[in-house]
């Protein structure tokens, strides 16, 4: 963002703004895809169904913030619902966008089945984490693979490569030179720890995600779609005054006010940017 030029008296013509806004819309969509990956946009009954699942997810986590929910149930349902929505909303590749593919449905249903098997096992399931049976192994390996694939779809290749590296390190310990050598893990021990306890996949990261992060995400969505972006912008302008440089300062302040509680840089950019751009253009910002 450059320093503002002399303030302009009028905004761009209406037709120019319309064309510019259309161009902005495409740029915003490209920005979102670059930051958060390709995203499926469905219509009809499928869009309504996925919206209902997202609403159920939000209501469940809001309820868990008020009432007491068992730790294994909260973390398991959280992972299952997030995986289900990830496979339904994020395509395996960009060329498959906006199409419901059979393998996406299969992976989404498998995500639910893996968590349902874990929760149905109860205490017996967690008690045998040192000696998992055949079905425990099958579902455990499936969950690890599902988490890696969902991570790849939503955030790119970097995190899956890091995960694969550390899984390989767990197996390759006996053959590594010092100081990286260790006795090594077999597949049953890895699955028992990652899938059948609250220390692996369902550990601290999922605990924070299920109890804190998702609540801030819900709050951020509420701010985004309730018009809070314009309120924060108007409030910031009232504090910054009427100078030509006030527009830029107001945008920075409103981004701070909205971005802090929402926790999403993309949501803040889209919400504030759509309101602030005409004001910045009028003040001479480029």
C-alpha atoms as a PDB file:
ATOM      1  CA  UNK A   1       0.000   0.000   0.000  1.00  0.00           C
ATOM      2  CA  UNK A   2       1.487   3.352  -1.026  1.00  0.00           C
ATOM      3  CA  UNK A   3       1.032   6.751   0.546  1.00  0.00           C
ATOM      4  CA  UNK A   4      -2.205   8.469  -0.449  1.00  0.00           C
ATOM      5  CA  UNK A   5      -2.213  11.066  -3.154  1.00  0.00           C
ATOM      6  CA  UNK A   6      -4.335  14.178  -3.012  1.00  0.00           C
ATOM      7  CA  UNK A   7      -7.872  13.285  -1.946  1.00  0.00           C
ATOM      8  CA  UNK A   8     -10.329  12.859  -4.762  1.00  0.00           C
ATOM      9  CA  UNK A   9     -13.754  14.432  -4.593  1.00  0.00           C
ATOM     10  CA  UNK A  10     -15.751  11.670  -6.189  1.00  0.00           C
ATOM     11  CA  UNK A  11     -15.674   7.918  -6.405  1.00  0.00           C
ATOM     12  CA  UNK A  12     -15.301   6.118  -9.703  1.00  0.00           C
ATOM     13  CA  UNK A  13     -18.334   6.032 -11.993  1.00  0.00           C
ATOM     14  CA  UNK A  14     -20.939   3.405 -11.175  1.00  0.00           C
ATOM     15  CA  UNK A  15     -20.174   1.284 -14.227  1.00  0.00           C
ATOM     16  CA  UNK A  16     -16.451   1.464 -13.505  1.00  0.00           C
ATOM     17  CA  UNK A  17     -17.065   0.379  -9.931  1.00  0.00           C
ATOM     18  CA  UNK A  18     -19.192  -2.525 -11.085  1.00  0.00           C
ATOM     19  CA  UNK A  19     -16.449  -3.769 -13.403  1.00  0.00           C
ATOM     20  CA  UNK A  20     -13.833  -3.193 -10.718  1.00  0.00           C
ATOM     21  CA  UNK A  21     -15.887  -5.047  -8.125  1.00  0.00           C
ATOM     22  CA  UNK A  22     -16.214  -8.012 -10.473  1.00  0.00           C
ATOM     23  CA  UNK A  23     -12.458  -8.024 -10.905  1.00  0.00           C
ATOM     24  CA  UNK A  24     -12.065  -7.758  -7.144  1.00  0.00           C
ATOM     25  CA  UNK A  25     -14.355 -10.732  -6.665  1.00  0.00           C
ATOM     26  CA  UNK A  26     -12.169 -12.903  -8.891  1.00  0.00           C
ATOM     27  CA  UNK A  27      -9.037 -11.728  -7.107  1.00  0.00           C
ATOM     28  CA  UNK A  28     -10.592 -12.501  -3.733  1.00  0.00           C
ATOM     29  CA  UNK A  29     -11.524 -16.009  -4.887  1.00  0.00           C
ATOM     30  CA  UNK A  30      -7.982 -16.574  -6.171  1.00  0.00           C
ATOM     31  CA  UNK A  31      -6.574 -15.296  -2.884  1.00  0.00           C
ATOM     32  CA  UNK A  32      -8.780 -17.629  -0.856  1.00  0.00           C
ATOM     33  CA  UNK A  33      -7.797 -20.619  -3.008  1.00  0.00           C
ATOM     34  CA  UNK A  34      -4.134 -19.724  -2.708  1.00  0.00           C
ATOM     35  CA  UNK A  35      -4.363 -19.478   1.080  1.00  0.00           C
ATOM     36  CA  UNK A  36      -6.866 -22.242   1.875  1.00  0.00           C
ATOM     37  CA  UNK A  37      -6.827 -24.525  -1.166  1.00  0.00           C
ATOM     38  CA  UNK A  38      -9.415 -25.281  -3.829  1.00  0.00           C
ATOM     39  CA  UNK A  39     -12.941 -25.313  -2.466  1.00  0.00           C
ATOM     40  CA  UNK A  40     -16.088 -27.004  -3.755  1.00  0.00           C
ATOM     41  CA  UNK A  41     -19.186 -24.844  -4.192  1.00  0.00           C
ATOM     42  CA  UNK A  42     -22.256 -27.035  -4.490  1.00  0.00           C
ATOM     43  CA  UNK A  43     -25.881 -26.145  -5.144  1.00  0.00           C
ATOM     44  CA  UNK A  44     -29.236 -27.714  -4.350  1.00  0.00           C
ATOM     45  CA  UNK A  45     -29.754 -30.513  -1.862  1.00  0.00           C
ATOM     46  CA  UNK A  46     -26.036 -31.213  -1.448  1.00  0.00           C
ATOM     47  CA  UNK A  47     -25.304 -27.625  -0.433  1.00  0.00           C
ATOM     48  CA  UNK A  48     -28.209 -27.746   2.029  1.00  0.00           C
ATOM     49  CA  UNK A  49     -26.997 -31.068   3.456  1.00  0.00           C
ATOM     50  CA  UNK A  50     -23.416 -29.877   3.987  1.00  0.00           C
ATOM     51  CA  UNK A  51     -24.691 -26.647   5.510  1.00  0.00           C
ATOM     52  CA  UNK A  52     -26.772 -28.734   7.923  1.00  0.00           C
ATOM     53  CA  UNK A  53     -23.705 -30.809   8.849  1.00  0.00           C
ATOM     54  CA  UNK A  54     -21.719 -27.620   9.462  1.00  0.00           C
ATOM     55  CA  UNK A  55     -24.541 -26.247  11.628  1.00  0.00           C
ATOM     56  CA  UNK A  56     -24.686 -29.490  13.624  1.00  0.00           C
ATOM     57  CA  UNK A  57     -20.915 -29.283  14.075  1.00  0.00           C
ATOM     58  CA  UNK A  58     -21.180 -25.720  15.379  1.00  0.00           C
ATOM     59  CA  UNK A  59     -24.083 -26.518  17.704  1.00  0.00           C
ATOM     60  CA  UNK A  60     -22.282 -29.564  19.114  1.00  0.00           C
ATOM     61  CA  UNK A  61     -19.164 -27.548  19.950  1.00  0.00           C
ATOM     62  CA  UNK A  62     -21.184 -24.694  21.425  1.00  0.00           C
ATOM     63  CA  UNK A  63     -23.002 -27.258  23.574  1.00  0.00           C
ATOM     64  CA  UNK A  64     -19.709 -28.832  24.658  1.00  0.00           C
ATOM     65  CA  UNK A  65     -18.486 -25.393  25.755  1.00  0.00           C
ATOM     66  CA  UNK A  66     -21.488 -25.154  28.097  1.00  0.00           C
ATOM     67  CA  UNK A  67     -22.089 -28.740  29.230  1.00  0.00           C
ATOM     68  CA  UNK A  68     -19.729 -31.530  30.240  1.00  0.00           C
ATOM     69  CA  UNK A  69     -18.852 -33.840  27.344  1.00  0.00           C
ATOM     70  CA  UNK A  70     -16.512 -36.820  27.695  1.00  0.00           C
ATOM     71  CA  UNK A  71     -13.053 -36.035  26.385  1.00  0.00           C
ATOM     72  CA  UNK A  72     -12.884 -39.003  24.020  1.00  0.00           C
ATOM     73  CA  UNK A  73     -16.362 -38.215  22.667  1.00  0.00           C
ATOM     74  CA  UNK A  74     -15.604 -34.523  22.108  1.00  0.00           C
ATOM     75  CA  UNK A  75     -12.274 -35.089  20.381  1.00  0.00           C
ATOM     76  CA  UNK A  76     -13.508 -38.064  18.370  1.00  0.00           C
ATOM     77  CA  UNK A  77     -16.635 -36.335  17.081  1.00  0.00           C
ATOM     78  CA  UNK A  78     -14.589 -33.221  16.328  1.00  0.00           C
ATOM     79  CA  UNK A  79     -12.088 -35.148  14.207  1.00  0.00           C
ATOM     80  CA  UNK A  80     -14.817 -37.167  12.486  1.00  0.00           C
ATOM     81  CA  UNK A  81     -16.916 -34.146  11.507  1.00  0.00           C
ATOM     82  CA  UNK A  82     -13.918 -32.121  10.364  1.00  0.00           C
ATOM     83  CA  UNK A  83     -12.647 -35.006   8.230  1.00  0.00           C
ATOM     84  CA  UNK A  84     -16.119 -35.560   6.760  1.00  0.00           C
ATOM     85  CA  UNK A  85     -16.475 -31.902   5.774  1.00  0.00           C
ATOM     86  CA  UNK A  86     -12.886 -31.745   4.512  1.00  0.00           C
ATOM     87  CA  UNK A  87     -13.387 -34.575   2.038  1.00  0.00           C
ATOM     88  CA  UNK A  88     -16.749 -33.236   0.904  1.00  0.00           C
ATOM     89  CA  UNK A  89     -15.674 -29.609   0.525  1.00  0.00           C
ATOM     90  CA  UNK A  90     -12.051 -29.819  -0.638  1.00  0.00           C
ATOM     91  CA  UNK A  91     -11.462 -31.669  -3.940  1.00  0.00           C
ATOM     92  CA  UNK A  92      -8.621 -34.106  -4.448  1.00  0.00           C
ATOM     93  CA  UNK A  93      -7.272 -31.810  -7.179  1.00  0.00           C
ATOM     94  CA  UNK A  94      -8.207 -28.444  -8.666  1.00  0.00           C
ATOM     95  CA  UNK A  95      -9.678 -29.983 -11.823  1.00  0.00           C
ATOM     96  CA  UNK A  96     -12.305 -31.820  -9.739  1.00  0.00           C
ATOM     97  CA  UNK A  97     -13.744 -28.652  -8.181  1.00  0.00           C
ATOM     98  CA  UNK A  98     -17.518 -28.280  -7.784  1.00  0.00           C
ATOM     99  CA  UNK A  99     -18.121 -31.963  -8.577  1.00  0.00           C
ATOM    100  CA  UNK A 100     -19.146 -34.650  -6.117  1.00  0.00           C
ATOM    101  CA  UNK A 101     -16.791 -37.567  -6.767  1.00  0.00           C
ATOM    102  CA  UNK A 102     -17.446 -41.099  -5.557  1.00  0.00           C
ATOM    103  CA  UNK A 103     -14.064 -41.377  -3.836  1.00  0.00           C
ATOM    104  CA  UNK A 104     -14.736 -38.175  -1.871  1.00  0.00           C
ATOM    105  CA  UNK A 105     -17.966 -39.697  -0.558  1.00  0.00           C
ATOM    106  CA  UNK A 106     -16.130 -42.945   0.232  1.00  0.00           C
ATOM    107  CA  UNK A 107     -13.415 -41.145   2.212  1.00  0.00           C
ATOM    108  CA  UNK A 108     -15.995 -39.020   4.038  1.00  0.00           C
ATOM    109  CA  UNK A 109     -17.998 -42.096   5.070  1.00  0.00           C
ATOM    110  CA  UNK A 110     -14.813 -43.926   6.060  1.00  0.00           C
ATOM    111  CA  UNK A 111     -13.946 -40.982   8.326  1.00  0.00           C
ATOM    112  CA  UNK A 112     -17.255 -41.408  10.130  1.00  0.00           C
ATOM    113  CA  UNK A 113     -16.826 -45.197  10.335  1.00  0.00           C
ATOM    114  CA  UNK A 114     -13.351 -44.929  11.857  1.00  0.00           C
ATOM    115  CA  UNK A 115     -14.576 -42.634  14.627  1.00  0.00           C
ATOM    116  CA  UNK A 116     -17.772 -44.652  15.177  1.00  0.00           C
ATOM    117  CA  UNK A 117     -15.684 -47.817  15.655  1.00  0.00           C
ATOM    118  CA  UNK A 118     -13.477 -46.037  18.186  1.00  0.00           C
ATOM    119  CA  UNK A 119     -16.373 -44.628  20.214  1.00  0.00           C
ATOM    120  CA  UNK A 120     -18.348 -47.887  20.113  1.00  0.00           C
ATOM    121  CA  UNK A 121     -15.398 -49.735  21.653  1.00  0.00           C
ATOM    122  CA  UNK A 122     -15.565 -47.690  24.845  1.00  0.00           C
ATOM    123  CA  UNK A 123     -13.087 -48.452  27.612  1.00  0.00           C
ATOM    124  CA  UNK A 124     -12.231 -51.864  26.152  1.00  0.00           C
ATOM    125  CA  UNK A 125     -10.940 -50.100  23.049  1.00  0.00           C
ATOM    126  CA  UNK A 126      -8.543 -47.838  24.940  1.00  0.00           C
ATOM    127  CA  UNK A 127      -7.476 -50.579  27.369  1.00  0.00           C
ATOM    128  CA  UNK A 128      -6.067 -52.735  24.562  1.00  0.00           C
ATOM    129  CA  UNK A 129      -3.957 -49.941  23.021  1.00  0.00           C
ATOM    130  CA  UNK A 130      -0.795 -51.932  23.734  1.00  0.00           C
ATOM    131  CA  UNK A 131      -2.162 -54.994  21.914  1.00  0.00           C
ATOM    132  CA  UNK A 132      -4.536 -53.820  19.163  1.00  0.00           C
ATOM    133  CA  UNK A 133      -6.457 -56.478  17.276  1.00  0.00           C
ATOM    134  CA  UNK A 134      -6.777 -56.765  13.505  1.00  0.00           C
ATOM    135  CA  UNK A 135      -9.727 -54.387  13.161  1.00  0.00           C
ATOM    136  CA  UNK A 136      -8.019 -51.859  15.415  1.00  0.00           C
ATOM    137  CA  UNK A 137      -5.044 -51.958  13.063  1.00  0.00           C
ATOM    138  CA  UNK A 138      -7.187 -51.572   9.951  1.00  0.00           C
ATOM    139  CA  UNK A 139      -9.133 -48.594  11.264  1.00  0.00           C
ATOM    140  CA  UNK A 140      -6.037 -47.053  12.848  1.00  0.00           C
ATOM    141  CA  UNK A 141      -4.023 -47.119   9.630  1.00  0.00           C
ATOM    142  CA  UNK A 142      -7.079 -45.780   7.802  1.00  0.00           C
ATOM    143  CA  UNK A 143      -7.382 -42.832  10.208  1.00  0.00           C
ATOM    144  CA  UNK A 144      -3.711 -41.921   9.857  1.00  0.00           C
ATOM    145  CA  UNK A 145      -4.030 -42.002   6.063  1.00  0.00           C
ATOM    146  CA  UNK A 146      -7.255 -39.962   6.180  1.00  0.00           C
ATOM    147  CA  UNK A 147      -5.669 -37.280   8.348  1.00  0.00           C
ATOM    148  CA  UNK A 148      -2.688 -37.007   6.001  1.00  0.00           C
ATOM    149  CA  UNK A 149      -4.910 -36.747   2.913  1.00  0.00           C
ATOM    150  CA  UNK A 150      -7.232 -34.188   4.532  1.00  0.00           C
ATOM    151  CA  UNK A 151      -4.192 -32.138   5.522  1.00  0.00           C
ATOM    152  CA  UNK A 152      -2.890 -32.253   1.951  1.00  0.00           C
ATOM    153  CA  UNK A 153      -6.226 -31.111   0.539  1.00  0.00           C
ATOM    154  CA  UNK A 154      -6.625 -28.204   2.914  1.00  0.00           C
ATOM    155  CA  UNK A 155      -3.066 -26.923   3.354  1.00  0.00           C
ATOM    156  CA  UNK A 156      -0.899 -28.345   0.568  1.00  0.00           C
ATOM    157  CA  UNK A 157       2.020 -30.747   0.563  1.00  0.00           C
ATOM    158  CA  UNK A 158       4.292 -29.323   3.261  1.00  0.00           C
ATOM    159  CA  UNK A 159       2.542 -30.726   6.345  1.00  0.00           C
ATOM    160  CA  UNK A 160       1.907 -34.202   4.831  1.00  0.00           C
ATOM    161  CA  UNK A 161       5.604 -34.439   3.946  1.00  0.00           C
ATOM    162  CA  UNK A 162       6.551 -33.500   7.512  1.00  0.00           C
ATOM    163  CA  UNK A 163       4.105 -36.094   8.890  1.00  0.00           C
ATOM    164  CA  UNK A 164       5.435 -38.779   6.538  1.00  0.00           C
ATOM    165  CA  UNK A 165       8.998 -37.933   7.564  1.00  0.00           C
ATOM    166  CA  UNK A 166       8.302 -38.449  11.268  1.00  0.00           C
ATOM    167  CA  UNK A 167       6.324 -41.641  10.661  1.00  0.00           C
ATOM    168  CA  UNK A 168       9.277 -42.957   8.657  1.00  0.00           C
ATOM    169  CA  UNK A 169      11.575 -41.897  11.498  1.00  0.00           C
ATOM    170  CA  UNK A 170       9.506 -43.975  13.939  1.00  0.00           C
ATOM    171  CA  UNK A 171      10.118 -47.102  11.841  1.00  0.00           C
ATOM    172  CA  UNK A 172      13.703 -46.407  10.761  1.00  0.00           C
ATOM    173  CA  UNK A 173      15.165 -45.732  14.207  1.00  0.00           C
ATOM    174  CA  UNK A 174      17.283 -48.919  14.518  1.00  0.00           C
ATOM    175  CA  UNK A 175      19.089 -48.199  11.236  1.00  0.00           C
ATOM    176  CA  UNK A 176      19.895 -44.540  11.834  1.00  0.00           C
ATOM    177  CA  UNK A 177      23.274 -43.269  13.079  1.00  0.00           C
ATOM    178  CA  UNK A 178      23.671 -41.677  16.471  1.00  0.00           C
ATOM    179  CA  UNK A 179      22.346 -39.445  17.941  1.00  0.00           C
ATOM    180  CA  UNK A 180      19.132 -40.130  15.969  1.00  0.00           C
ATOM    181  CA  UNK A 181      19.010 -43.865  16.543  1.00  0.00           C
ATOM    182  CA  UNK A 182      16.315 -45.506  18.688  1.00  0.00           C
ATOM    183  CA  UNK A 183      14.778 -48.962  19.115  1.00  0.00           C
ATOM    184  CA  UNK A 184      12.053 -48.279  16.584  1.00  0.00           C
ATOM    185  CA  UNK A 185       8.286 -48.706  16.582  1.00  0.00           C
ATOM    186  CA  UNK A 186       6.272 -51.416  14.897  1.00  0.00           C
ATOM    187  CA  UNK A 187       2.942 -50.686  13.229  1.00  0.00           C
ATOM    188  CA  UNK A 188       0.871 -52.018  16.141  1.00  0.00           C
ATOM    189  CA  UNK A 189       2.590 -49.755  18.656  1.00  0.00           C
ATOM    190  CA  UNK A 190       2.231 -46.768  16.344  1.00  0.00           C
ATOM    191  CA  UNK A 191      -1.482 -47.414  15.759  1.00  0.00           C
ATOM    192  CA  UNK A 192      -2.079 -48.076  19.457  1.00  0.00           C
ATOM    193  CA  UNK A 193      -0.563 -44.735  20.391  1.00  0.00           C
ATOM    194  CA  UNK A 194      -1.902 -42.629  17.516  1.00  0.00           C
ATOM    195  CA  UNK A 195      -5.439 -44.033  17.330  1.00  0.00           C
ATOM    196  CA  UNK A 196      -6.306 -45.706  20.626  1.00  0.00           C
ATOM    197  CA  UNK A 197      -5.155 -43.132  23.184  1.00  0.00           C
ATOM    198  CA  UNK A 198      -5.679 -39.426  23.815  1.00  0.00           C
ATOM    199  CA  UNK A 199      -1.994 -38.718  23.204  1.00  0.00           C
ATOM    200  CA  UNK A 200      -1.653 -39.277  19.455  1.00  0.00           C
ATOM    201  CA  UNK A 201      -4.025 -37.880  16.856  1.00  0.00           C
ATOM    202  CA  UNK A 202      -6.481 -37.013  19.638  1.00  0.00           C
ATOM    203  CA  UNK A 203      -3.851 -35.240  21.713  1.00  0.00           C
ATOM    204  CA  UNK A 204      -3.223 -31.625  22.672  1.00  0.00           C
ATOM    205  CA  UNK A 205      -3.617 -30.162  19.177  1.00  0.00           C
ATOM    206  CA  UNK A 206      -7.095 -31.652  18.720  1.00  0.00           C
ATOM    207  CA  UNK A 207      -7.992 -30.672  22.285  1.00  0.00           C
ATOM    208  CA  UNK A 208      -7.176 -27.016  21.561  1.00  0.00           C
ATOM    209  CA  UNK A 209      -8.940 -27.209  18.202  1.00  0.00           C
ATOM    210  CA  UNK A 210     -12.110 -28.754  19.659  1.00  0.00           C
ATOM    211  CA  UNK A 211     -12.369 -26.485  22.696  1.00  0.00           C
ATOM    212  CA  UNK A 212     -10.918 -23.125  21.622  1.00  0.00           C
ATOM    213  CA  UNK A 213     -10.088 -22.701  17.944  1.00  0.00           C
ATOM    214  CA  UNK A 214     -13.453 -23.816  16.595  1.00  0.00           C
ATOM    215  CA  UNK A 215     -15.267 -21.421  18.957  1.00  0.00           C
ATOM    216  CA  UNK A 216     -13.208 -18.505  17.638  1.00  0.00           C
ATOM    217  CA  UNK A 217     -13.919 -19.722  14.107  1.00  0.00           C
ATOM    218  CA  UNK A 218     -17.671 -19.738  14.779  1.00  0.00           C
ATOM    219  CA  UNK A 219     -17.404 -16.273  16.303  1.00  0.00           C
ATOM    220  CA  UNK A 220     -15.398 -15.054  13.304  1.00  0.00           C
ATOM    221  CA  UNK A 221     -18.040 -16.373  10.907  1.00  0.00           C
ATOM    222  CA  UNK A 222     -20.720 -14.594  12.927  1.00  0.00           C
ATOM    223  CA  UNK A 223     -18.772 -11.331  12.701  1.00  0.00           C
ATOM    224  CA  UNK A 224     -18.200 -11.773   8.977  1.00  0.00           C
ATOM    225  CA  UNK A 225     -21.827 -12.383   8.034  1.00  0.00           C
ATOM    226  CA  UNK A 226     -23.443 -10.028  10.547  1.00  0.00           C
ATOM    227  CA  UNK A 227     -21.911  -6.882   9.061  1.00  0.00           C
ATOM    228  CA  UNK A 228     -19.452  -6.425  11.909  1.00  0.00           C
ATOM    229  CA  UNK A 229     -16.720  -5.592   9.392  1.00  0.00           C
ATOM    230  CA  UNK A 230     -18.425  -2.340   8.425  1.00  0.00           C
ATOM    231  CA  UNK A 231     -19.073  -1.539  12.090  1.00  0.00           C
ATOM    232  CA  UNK A 232     -15.400  -1.963  12.967  1.00  0.00           C
ATOM    233  CA  UNK A 233     -14.434   0.125   9.945  1.00  0.00           C
ATOM    234  CA  UNK A 234     -16.842   2.939  10.859  1.00  0.00           C
ATOM    235  CA  UNK A 235     -15.633   2.828  14.458  1.00  0.00           C
ATOM    236  CA  UNK A 236     -12.010   3.018  13.298  1.00  0.00           C
ATOM    237  CA  UNK A 237     -12.752   5.981  11.002  1.00  0.00           C
ATOM    238  CA  UNK A 238     -14.419   7.816  13.867  1.00  0.00           C
ATOM    239  CA  UNK A 239     -11.233   7.429  15.922  1.00  0.00           C
ATOM    240  CA  UNK A 240      -8.754   8.238  13.149  1.00  0.00           C
ATOM    241  CA  UNK A 241     -10.387  11.489  12.029  1.00  0.00           C
ATOM    242  CA  UNK A 242     -10.901  12.952   8.554  1.00  0.00           C
ATOM    243  CA  UNK A 243      -7.353  13.353   7.216  1.00  0.00           C
ATOM    244  CA  UNK A 244      -6.326  11.838   3.882  1.00  0.00           C
ATOM    245  CA  UNK A 245      -4.126   9.294   5.680  1.00  0.00           C
ATOM    246  CA  UNK A 246      -6.932   8.268   8.035  1.00  0.00           C
ATOM    247  CA  UNK A 247      -8.334   5.703   5.591  1.00  0.00           C
ATOM    248  CA  UNK A 248      -5.207   3.559   5.716  1.00  0.00           C
ATOM    249  CA  UNK A 249      -4.934   3.840   9.482  1.00  0.00           C
ATOM    250  CA  UNK A 250      -8.605   2.975   9.889  1.00  0.00           C
ATOM    251  CA  UNK A 251      -8.197  -0.161   7.763  1.00  0.00           C
ATOM    252  CA  UNK A 252      -5.227  -1.271   9.878  1.00  0.00           C
ATOM    253  CA  UNK A 253      -7.154  -0.697  13.093  1.00  0.00           C
ATOM    254  CA  UNK A 254     -10.336  -2.396  11.869  1.00  0.00           C
ATOM    255  CA  UNK A 255      -8.273  -5.371  10.679  1.00  0.00           C
ATOM    256  CA  UNK A 256      -6.848  -5.631  14.180  1.00  0.00           C
ATOM    257  CA  UNK A 257     -10.300  -5.409  15.773  1.00  0.00           C
ATOM    258  CA  UNK A 258     -11.848  -8.024  13.481  1.00  0.00           C
ATOM    259  CA  UNK A 259      -8.836 -10.257  12.866  1.00  0.00           C
ATOM    260  CA  UNK A 260      -8.051 -10.759  16.549  1.00  0.00           C
ATOM    261  CA  UNK A 261     -11.281 -12.501  17.555  1.00  0.00           C
ATOM    262  CA  UNK A 262     -11.970 -14.130  14.175  1.00  0.00           C
ATOM    263  CA  UNK A 263      -8.562 -15.804  13.905  1.00  0.00           C
ATOM    264  CA  UNK A 264      -8.768 -15.927  10.099  1.00  0.00           C
ATOM    265  CA  UNK A 265      -6.629 -13.706   7.908  1.00  0.00           C
ATOM    266  CA  UNK A 266      -8.619 -14.622   4.813  1.00  0.00           C
ATOM    267  CA  UNK A 267     -11.977 -13.832   6.435  1.00  0.00           C
ATOM    268  CA  UNK A 268     -10.631 -10.511   7.703  1.00  0.00           C
ATOM    269  CA  UNK A 269      -9.283  -9.572   4.269  1.00  0.00           C
ATOM    270  CA  UNK A 270     -12.529 -10.427   2.506  1.00  0.00           C
ATOM    271  CA  UNK A 271     -14.749  -8.744   5.100  1.00  0.00           C
ATOM    272  CA  UNK A 272     -12.764  -5.527   5.527  1.00  0.00           C
ATOM    273  CA  UNK A 273     -11.517  -5.299   1.944  1.00  0.00           C
ATOM    274  CA  UNK A 274     -14.938  -5.317   0.327  1.00  0.00           C
ATOM    275  CA  UNK A 275     -15.980  -2.350   2.478  1.00  0.00           C
ATOM    276  CA  UNK A 276     -12.690  -0.458   2.615  1.00  0.00           C
ATOM    277  CA  UNK A 277     -11.628  -0.480  -1.033  1.00  0.00           C
ATOM    278  CA  UNK A 278     -13.922   2.362  -2.241  1.00  0.00           C
ATOM    279  CA  UNK A 279     -12.824   4.492   0.720  1.00  0.00           C
ATOM    280  CA  UNK A 280      -9.159   3.836   0.021  1.00  0.00           C
ATOM    281  CA  UNK A 281      -9.638   4.602  -3.673  1.00  0.00           C
ATOM    282  CA  UNK A 282     -11.373   7.872  -2.835  1.00  0.00           C
ATOM    283  CA  UNK A 283      -8.507   8.850  -0.530  1.00  0.00           C
ATOM    284  CA  UNK A 284      -5.968   8.203  -3.269  1.00  0.00           C
ATOM    285  CA  UNK A 285      -4.489   4.889  -2.150  1.00  0.00           C
ATOM    286  CA  UNK A 286      -3.347   2.559  -4.920  1.00  0.00           C
END
